[in-house]
C-alpha atoms as a PDB file:
ATOM      1  CA  UNK A   1      -5.016  -3.138 -20.552  1.00  0.00           C
ATOM      2  CA  UNK A   2      -4.293   0.877 -21.147  1.00  0.00           C
ATOM      3  CA  UNK A   3      -5.833   2.495 -18.113  1.00  0.00           C
ATOM      4  CA  UNK A   4      -6.416   6.169 -17.730  1.00  0.00           C
ATOM      5  CA  UNK A   5      -6.678   6.563 -13.657  1.00  0.00           C
ATOM      6  CA  UNK A   6      -8.985   9.288 -12.728  1.00  0.00           C
ATOM      7  CA  UNK A   7      -9.715  11.369  -9.598  1.00  0.00           C
ATOM      8  CA  UNK A   8      -8.412  13.771  -6.988  1.00  0.00           C
ATOM      9  CA  UNK A   9      -5.219  15.180  -6.403  1.00  0.00           C
ATOM     10  CA  UNK A  10      -5.526  17.540  -3.730  1.00  0.00           C
ATOM     11  CA  UNK A  11      -3.906  16.314  -0.923  1.00  0.00           C
ATOM     12  CA  UNK A  12      -0.794  14.581  -0.057  1.00  0.00           C
ATOM     13  CA  UNK A  13      -2.846  11.140   1.113  1.00  0.00           C
ATOM     14  CA  UNK A  14      -4.690  11.524  -2.302  1.00  0.00           C
ATOM     15  CA  UNK A  15      -1.342  11.544  -4.296  1.00  0.00           C
ATOM     16  CA  UNK A  16       0.021   8.589  -2.310  1.00  0.00           C
ATOM     17  CA  UNK A  17      -2.947   6.590  -2.586  1.00  0.00           C
ATOM     18  CA  UNK A  18      -2.919   7.101  -6.633  1.00  0.00           C
ATOM     19  CA  UNK A  19       0.784   6.297  -7.046  1.00  0.00           C
ATOM     20  CA  UNK A  20       0.072   2.811  -5.013  1.00  0.00           C
ATOM     21  CA  UNK A  21      -2.998   2.078  -6.554  1.00  0.00           C
ATOM     22  CA  UNK A  22      -1.105   2.869 -10.447  1.00  0.00           C
ATOM     23  CA  UNK A  23       1.962   0.691  -9.113  1.00  0.00           C
ATOM     24  CA  UNK A  24      -0.175  -1.951  -8.021  1.00  0.00           C
ATOM     25  CA  UNK A  25      -2.470  -2.120 -11.599  1.00  0.00           C
ATOM     26  CA  UNK A  26       1.198  -2.162 -13.111  1.00  0.00           C
ATOM     27  CA  UNK A  27       2.304  -4.772 -11.199  1.00  0.00           C
ATOM     28  CA  UNK A  28      -0.799  -6.700 -12.629  1.00  0.00           C
ATOM     29  CA  UNK A  29       0.789  -6.169 -15.798  1.00  0.00           C
ATOM     30  CA  UNK A  30      -1.734  -3.175 -16.917  1.00  0.00           C
ATOM     31  CA  UNK A  31      -0.224   0.173 -18.623  1.00  0.00           C
ATOM     32  CA  UNK A  32      -1.572   3.330 -17.000  1.00  0.00           C
ATOM     33  CA  UNK A  33      -1.883   6.974 -17.240  1.00  0.00           C
ATOM     34  CA  UNK A  34      -1.405   8.693 -14.190  1.00  0.00           C
ATOM     35  CA  UNK A  35      -2.189  12.361 -14.400  1.00  0.00           C
ATOM     36  CA  UNK A  36      -0.572  13.435 -11.652  1.00  0.00           C
ATOM     37  CA  UNK A  37       2.703  11.968 -13.061  1.00  0.00           C
ATOM     38  CA  UNK A  38       2.287  14.162 -16.215  1.00  0.00           C
ATOM     39  CA  UNK A  39       1.261  17.365 -14.538  1.00  0.00           C
ATOM     40  CA  UNK A  40       4.494  19.244 -13.911  1.00  0.00           C
ATOM     41  CA  UNK A  41       3.204  22.743 -13.891  1.00  0.00           C
ATOM     42  CA  UNK A  42       0.488  23.596 -11.974  1.00  0.00           C
ATOM     43  CA  UNK A  43       0.588  26.938 -13.260  1.00  0.00           C
ATOM     44  CA  UNK A  44      -0.122  25.735 -16.826  1.00  0.00           C
ATOM     45  CA  UNK A  45      -3.865  24.527 -16.975  1.00  0.00           C
ATOM     46  CA  UNK A  46      -3.926  24.621 -21.037  1.00  0.00           C
ATOM     47  CA  UNK A  47      -0.753  22.163 -20.795  1.00  0.00           C
ATOM     48  CA  UNK A  48      -2.916  20.259 -18.285  1.00  0.00           C
ATOM     49  CA  UNK A  49      -5.577  19.764 -19.973  1.00  0.00           C
ATOM     50  CA  UNK A  50      -4.308  18.418 -23.302  1.00  0.00           C
ATOM     51  CA  UNK A  51      -2.433  16.157 -21.676  1.00  0.00           C
ATOM     52  CA  UNK A  52      -5.238  14.256 -19.718  1.00  0.00           C
ATOM     53  CA  UNK A  53      -7.143  14.635 -22.560  1.00  0.00           C
ATOM     54  CA  UNK A  54      -4.062  12.760 -24.764  1.00  0.00           C
ATOM     55  CA  UNK A  55      -4.008  10.343 -22.099  1.00  0.00           C
ATOM     56  CA  UNK A  56      -8.039   9.533 -22.269  1.00  0.00           C
ATOM     57  CA  UNK A  57      -7.402   9.343 -25.804  1.00  0.00           C
ATOM     58  CA  UNK A  58      -4.870   6.657 -25.344  1.00  0.00           C
ATOM     59  CA  UNK A  59      -6.557   4.975 -22.965  1.00  0.00           C
ATOM     60  CA  UNK A  60      -8.693   1.541 -23.326  1.00  0.00           C
ATOM     61  CA  UNK A  61     -10.947   1.899 -20.180  1.00  0.00           C
ATOM     62  CA  UNK A  62     -10.569   4.454 -17.486  1.00  0.00           C
ATOM     63  CA  UNK A  63     -10.567   3.751 -13.651  1.00  0.00           C
ATOM     64  CA  UNK A  64     -11.970   6.666 -11.717  1.00  0.00           C
ATOM     65  CA  UNK A  65     -11.933   7.268  -7.956  1.00  0.00           C
ATOM     66  CA  UNK A  66     -15.628   8.985  -6.587  1.00  0.00           C
ATOM     67  CA  UNK A  67     -14.671   9.281  -3.047  1.00  0.00           C
ATOM     68  CA  UNK A  68     -15.468  12.597  -1.201  1.00  0.00           C
ATOM     69  CA  UNK A  69     -18.518  13.987  -0.207  1.00  0.00           C
ATOM     70  CA  UNK A  70     -19.275  14.854  -3.693  1.00  0.00           C
ATOM     71  CA  UNK A  71     -16.926  13.331  -6.816  1.00  0.00           C
ATOM     72  CA  UNK A  72     -14.456  15.796  -7.844  1.00  0.00           C
ATOM     73  CA  UNK A  73     -15.567  18.119 -10.820  1.00  0.00           C
ATOM     74  CA  UNK A  74     -12.996  17.266 -12.904  1.00  0.00           C
ATOM     75  CA  UNK A  75     -13.214  13.423 -12.579  1.00  0.00           C
ATOM     76  CA  UNK A  76     -16.597  13.668 -13.595  1.00  0.00           C
ATOM     77  CA  UNK A  77     -15.505  15.526 -16.778  1.00  0.00           C
ATOM     78  CA  UNK A  78     -13.099  12.863 -17.752  1.00  0.00           C
ATOM     79  CA  UNK A  79     -16.137  10.031 -17.034  1.00  0.00           C
ATOM     80  CA  UNK A  80     -18.191  12.076 -19.438  1.00  0.00           C
ATOM     81  CA  UNK A  81     -15.674  12.299 -22.125  1.00  0.00           C
ATOM     82  CA  UNK A  82     -14.737   8.653 -21.542  1.00  0.00           C
ATOM     83  CA  UNK A  83     -18.383   7.752 -22.284  1.00  0.00           C
ATOM     84  CA  UNK A  84     -18.874   9.633 -25.295  1.00  0.00           C
ATOM     85  CA  UNK A  85     -15.921   7.837 -26.668  1.00  0.00           C
ATOM     86  CA  UNK A  86     -17.278   4.778 -25.964  1.00  0.00           C
ATOM     87  CA  UNK A  87     -14.615   3.815 -23.787  1.00  0.00           C
ATOM     88  CA  UNK A  88     -15.569   1.320 -20.532  1.00  0.00           C
ATOM     89  CA  UNK A  89     -15.351   2.665 -17.145  1.00  0.00           C
ATOM     90  CA  UNK A  90     -15.001   0.823 -13.972  1.00  0.00           C
ATOM     91  CA  UNK A  91     -15.318   3.366 -10.805  1.00  0.00           C
ATOM     92  CA  UNK A  92     -14.597   2.760  -6.914  1.00  0.00           C
ATOM     93  CA  UNK A  93     -15.534   4.379  -3.642  1.00  0.00           C
ATOM     94  CA  UNK A  94     -13.554   3.604  -0.962  1.00  0.00           C
ATOM     95  CA  UNK A  95     -15.021   6.644   1.283  1.00  0.00           C
ATOM     96  CA  UNK A  96     -17.570   5.027   3.932  1.00  0.00           C
ATOM     97  CA  UNK A  97     -19.609   8.619   3.616  1.00  0.00           C
ATOM     98  CA  UNK A  98     -22.537   8.434   1.757  1.00  0.00           C
ATOM     99  CA  UNK A  99     -24.075  10.832  -0.770  1.00  0.00           C
ATOM    100  CA  UNK A 100     -27.100  12.880  -0.086  1.00  0.00           C
ATOM    101  CA  UNK A 101     -29.676  10.094  -0.130  1.00  0.00           C
ATOM    102  CA  UNK A 102     -28.965   6.800  -0.159  1.00  0.00           C
ATOM    103  CA  UNK A 103     -26.653   5.809  -3.215  1.00  0.00           C
ATOM    104  CA  UNK A 104     -23.206   5.567  -2.594  1.00  0.00           C
ATOM    105  CA  UNK A 105     -22.744   6.842  -6.163  1.00  0.00           C
ATOM    106  CA  UNK A 106     -23.949   9.449  -7.864  1.00  0.00           C
ATOM    107  CA  UNK A 107     -26.465   8.145 -10.409  1.00  0.00           C
ATOM    108  CA  UNK A 108     -24.957   9.522 -13.568  1.00  0.00           C
ATOM    109  CA  UNK A 109     -21.977   7.953 -12.747  1.00  0.00           C
ATOM    110  CA  UNK A 110     -23.162   4.858 -11.723  1.00  0.00           C
ATOM    111  CA  UNK A 111     -25.256   4.199 -14.808  1.00  0.00           C
ATOM    112  CA  UNK A 112     -22.702   5.476 -16.909  1.00  0.00           C
ATOM    113  CA  UNK A 113     -20.450   2.937 -15.809  1.00  0.00           C
ATOM    114  CA  UNK A 114     -19.150  -0.682 -16.952  1.00  0.00           C
ATOM    115  CA  UNK A 115     -18.507  -1.735 -13.514  1.00  0.00           C
ATOM    116  CA  UNK A 116     -19.053  -0.464  -9.640  1.00  0.00           C
ATOM    117  CA  UNK A 117     -17.040  -1.083  -6.815  1.00  0.00           C
ATOM    118  CA  UNK A 118     -17.862  -0.231  -3.319  1.00  0.00           C
ATOM    119  CA  UNK A 119     -15.105  -1.024  -0.845  1.00  0.00           C
ATOM    120  CA  UNK A 120     -15.369   0.992   1.893  1.00  0.00           C
ATOM    121  CA  UNK A 121     -11.671   1.859   3.624  1.00  0.00           C
ATOM    122  CA  UNK A 122     -10.271  -0.694   1.129  1.00  0.00           C
ATOM    123  CA  UNK A 123      -6.364  -1.506   1.330  1.00  0.00           C
ATOM    124  CA  UNK A 124      -4.623  -0.225  -1.957  1.00  0.00           C
ATOM    125  CA  UNK A 125      -3.695  -3.999  -2.534  1.00  0.00           C
ATOM    126  CA  UNK A 126      -7.449  -5.593  -2.165  1.00  0.00           C
ATOM    127  CA  UNK A 127      -8.639  -2.650  -4.400  1.00  0.00           C
ATOM    128  CA  UNK A 128      -6.348  -3.372  -7.257  1.00  0.00           C
ATOM    129  CA  UNK A 129      -7.579  -7.052  -7.145  1.00  0.00           C
ATOM    130  CA  UNK A 130     -10.997  -5.880  -7.674  1.00  0.00           C
ATOM    131  CA  UNK A 131     -10.260  -3.389 -10.118  1.00  0.00           C
ATOM    132  CA  UNK A 132      -7.906  -6.580 -12.027  1.00  0.00           C
ATOM    133  CA  UNK A 133     -11.008  -8.537 -11.798  1.00  0.00           C
ATOM    134  CA  UNK A 134     -13.374  -6.264 -13.506  1.00  0.00           C
ATOM    135  CA  UNK A 135     -10.809  -5.511 -16.095  1.00  0.00           C
ATOM    136  CA  UNK A 136     -10.323  -9.159 -16.908  1.00  0.00           C
ATOM    137  CA  UNK A 137     -14.077  -8.949 -17.496  1.00  0.00           C
ATOM    138  CA  UNK A 138     -13.507  -5.972 -20.092  1.00  0.00           C
ATOM    139  CA  UNK A 139     -10.692  -7.581 -21.979  1.00  0.00           C
ATOM    140  CA  UNK A 140     -11.240  -9.458 -24.614  1.00  0.00           C
ATOM    141  CA  UNK A 141     -10.546 -13.267 -24.337  1.00  0.00           C
ATOM    142  CA  UNK A 142      -6.978 -14.019 -25.187  1.00  0.00           C
ATOM    143  CA  UNK A 143      -6.027 -17.389 -26.957  1.00  0.00           C
ATOM    144  CA  UNK A 144      -3.536 -18.890 -25.022  1.00  0.00           C
END
């Protein structure tokens, strides 16, 4: 499947986790558009925006990280754009902190997603395996 990976890109830890997860998903046969691999210059916001929109248009599915005390606003925009385009979404949360109230994911994100994965402090390999299972459920049945 062609995956657009959405999520925060603001720390070395986030960048490393994103790269490791993309690598795991690629190793399972998926094509991945990882925005951080395409954003060469942070001083060109229009170019970043256009690159990411092209990535979203190319993708068959969006896989999005909703970690943090509140989901990243750019990630939320990407999910909204994908939803409007009718693209399936798999959202995940590895952060053990809860959002305000009792729901681990904002209802606008959880209700628009096809799959919600809650795996606090998940190992990248385990998370990739769970995401791959959910992607298999979205993929048309293959004849073989």
